[in-house]
Protein backbone atom coordinates (compact mmCIF):
# COMPACT_ATOMS: atom_id res chain seq x y z
CA MET A 1 289.09 -16.22 -157.36
CA PRO A 2 289.90 -19.96 -157.07
CA ALA A 3 291.57 -21.30 -160.09
CA ALA A 4 290.18 -24.25 -162.26
CA SER A 5 291.71 -27.46 -160.92
CA LEU A 6 290.87 -30.03 -163.75
CA SER A 7 294.10 -31.28 -165.37
CA PRO A 8 293.98 -31.54 -169.34
CA ALA A 9 294.68 -35.20 -168.87
CA ARG A 10 291.76 -35.69 -166.52
CA LEU A 11 289.43 -33.58 -168.72
CA ARG A 12 290.35 -36.09 -171.70
CA VAL A 13 289.47 -38.96 -169.44
CA LEU A 14 286.23 -37.51 -168.55
CA GLN A 15 285.33 -36.53 -172.09
CA ALA A 16 286.05 -40.09 -173.19
CA ARG A 17 283.59 -41.51 -170.86
CA TYR A 18 281.10 -38.99 -171.86
CA GLN A 19 281.64 -39.90 -175.44
CA ARG A 20 281.11 -43.63 -174.57
CA CYS A 21 277.78 -42.73 -172.92
CA LYS A 22 276.75 -40.85 -175.96
CA ASP A 23 277.65 -43.92 -178.24
CA GLN A 24 275.74 -46.10 -175.80
CA LEU A 25 272.72 -43.65 -176.11
CA ALA A 26 272.70 -43.91 -179.69
CA ALA A 27 272.81 -47.75 -179.76
CA LEU A 28 269.66 -47.95 -177.51
CA ALA A 29 266.63 -49.57 -178.93
CA TRP A 30 263.00 -48.95 -178.03
CA VAL A 31 262.57 -47.67 -174.47
CA SER A 32 259.40 -47.63 -172.25
CA GLU A 33 258.66 -47.16 -168.59
CA GLY A 34 256.69 -49.35 -166.35
CA SER A 35 256.46 -53.09 -165.61
CA VAL A 36 255.30 -56.45 -167.19
CA THR A 37 253.80 -59.03 -164.96
CA PRO A 38 251.83 -62.17 -165.63
CA ASN A 39 248.07 -61.73 -165.85
CA ASN A 40 245.51 -63.75 -164.00
CA SER A 41 244.79 -65.62 -167.32
CA PRO A 42 247.49 -68.13 -168.41
CA GLY A 43 249.48 -67.01 -171.37
CA THR A 44 248.67 -63.25 -170.87
CA TRP A 45 250.60 -60.39 -169.45
CA ARG A 46 250.09 -56.95 -168.14
CA TRP A 47 252.06 -53.90 -168.73
CA THR A 48 251.69 -51.27 -165.89
CA ARG A 49 252.86 -47.71 -165.74
CA LYS A 50 252.00 -44.46 -164.37
CA VAL A 51 250.33 -41.77 -166.41
CA LYS A 52 249.56 -38.32 -164.91
CA ALA A 53 249.64 -39.84 -161.41
CA LYS A 54 247.28 -42.72 -162.22
CA THR A 55 248.22 -46.40 -162.61
CA VAL A 56 247.35 -47.57 -166.19
CA SER A 57 247.37 -51.37 -167.02
CA VAL A 58 247.14 -53.03 -170.62
CA ALA A 59 246.72 -56.51 -171.50
CA LEU A 60 249.49 -58.05 -173.57
CA SER A 61 250.13 -61.16 -175.65
CA ALA A 62 253.37 -63.13 -174.58
CA ALA A 63 255.15 -61.48 -177.80
CA GLN A 64 254.09 -58.11 -176.62
CA ALA A 65 255.26 -58.79 -173.08
CA GLU A 66 258.64 -59.95 -174.33
CA ALA A 67 258.94 -56.72 -176.45
CA PHE A 68 258.03 -54.66 -173.48
CA GLN A 69 260.52 -56.30 -171.03
CA ALA A 70 263.23 -55.53 -173.38
CA ALA A 71 262.05 -51.85 -173.74
CA ILE A 72 261.73 -51.50 -169.91
CA ALA A 73 265.57 -52.90 -169.73
CA GLN A 74 266.65 -50.44 -172.27
CA HIS A 75 264.64 -47.69 -170.34
CA ARG A 76 266.66 -48.58 -167.18
CA HIS A 77 269.90 -48.54 -169.10
CA LEU A 78 269.14 -45.12 -170.46
CA GLU A 79 268.28 -43.65 -167.08
CA ARG A 80 271.78 -45.04 -165.80
CA LEU A 81 273.50 -43.36 -168.71
CA ILE A 82 271.70 -40.07 -168.08
CA LYS A 83 272.80 -40.18 -164.51
CA GLU A 84 276.37 -40.97 -165.27
CA MET A 85 276.34 -38.11 -168.12
CA ARG A 86 274.84 -35.45 -165.35
CA ALA A 87 277.67 -36.46 -163.04
CA LEU A 88 280.46 -36.20 -165.42
CA SER A 89 278.95 -32.84 -166.98
CA GLN A 90 278.77 -31.35 -163.38
CA GLN A 91 282.42 -32.55 -162.67
CA VAL A 92 283.77 -30.92 -165.83
CA LEU A 93 281.65 -27.62 -165.40
CA LEU A 94 282.58 -27.22 -161.83
CA HIS A 95 286.31 -27.80 -162.29
CA SER A 96 287.01 -26.26 -165.70
CA PHE A 97 286.38 -22.77 -165.11
CA PRO A 98 287.34 -20.46 -162.01
CA GLY A 99 284.76 -20.21 -159.34
CA PRO A 100 283.56 -17.35 -157.28
CA LYS A 101 285.67 -15.99 -154.34
CA ARG A 102 284.82 -17.93 -151.27
CA ARG A 103 284.31 -16.39 -147.81
CA LYS A 104 286.73 -17.44 -145.18
CA THR A 105 284.96 -19.00 -142.06
CA SER A 106 286.20 -18.09 -138.72
CA ARG A 107 286.95 -20.86 -136.32
CA SER A 108 285.72 -20.31 -132.96
């Protein structure tokens, strides 16, 4: 059975990175999916998103558009944080514990 190969120092580094992600996650403001684009009428905006595989659009005022743009940026940051947290978790989980016995492959 292969031994775990994550050193205590490396584990602390990964835990610190994970904690920084958690801190950033806690600091997020409102989040929203979709996109905001100018509408055909001057001064109005359109928020578009997918709901149950259908595209849904809502007309927005300039103030709403600004708020949604910030929320969409926060959502993109959230997705990056989750991706990093998954990668860190997988690295720690795979290398902190002994794995199964591996079969040797024959070289022909």
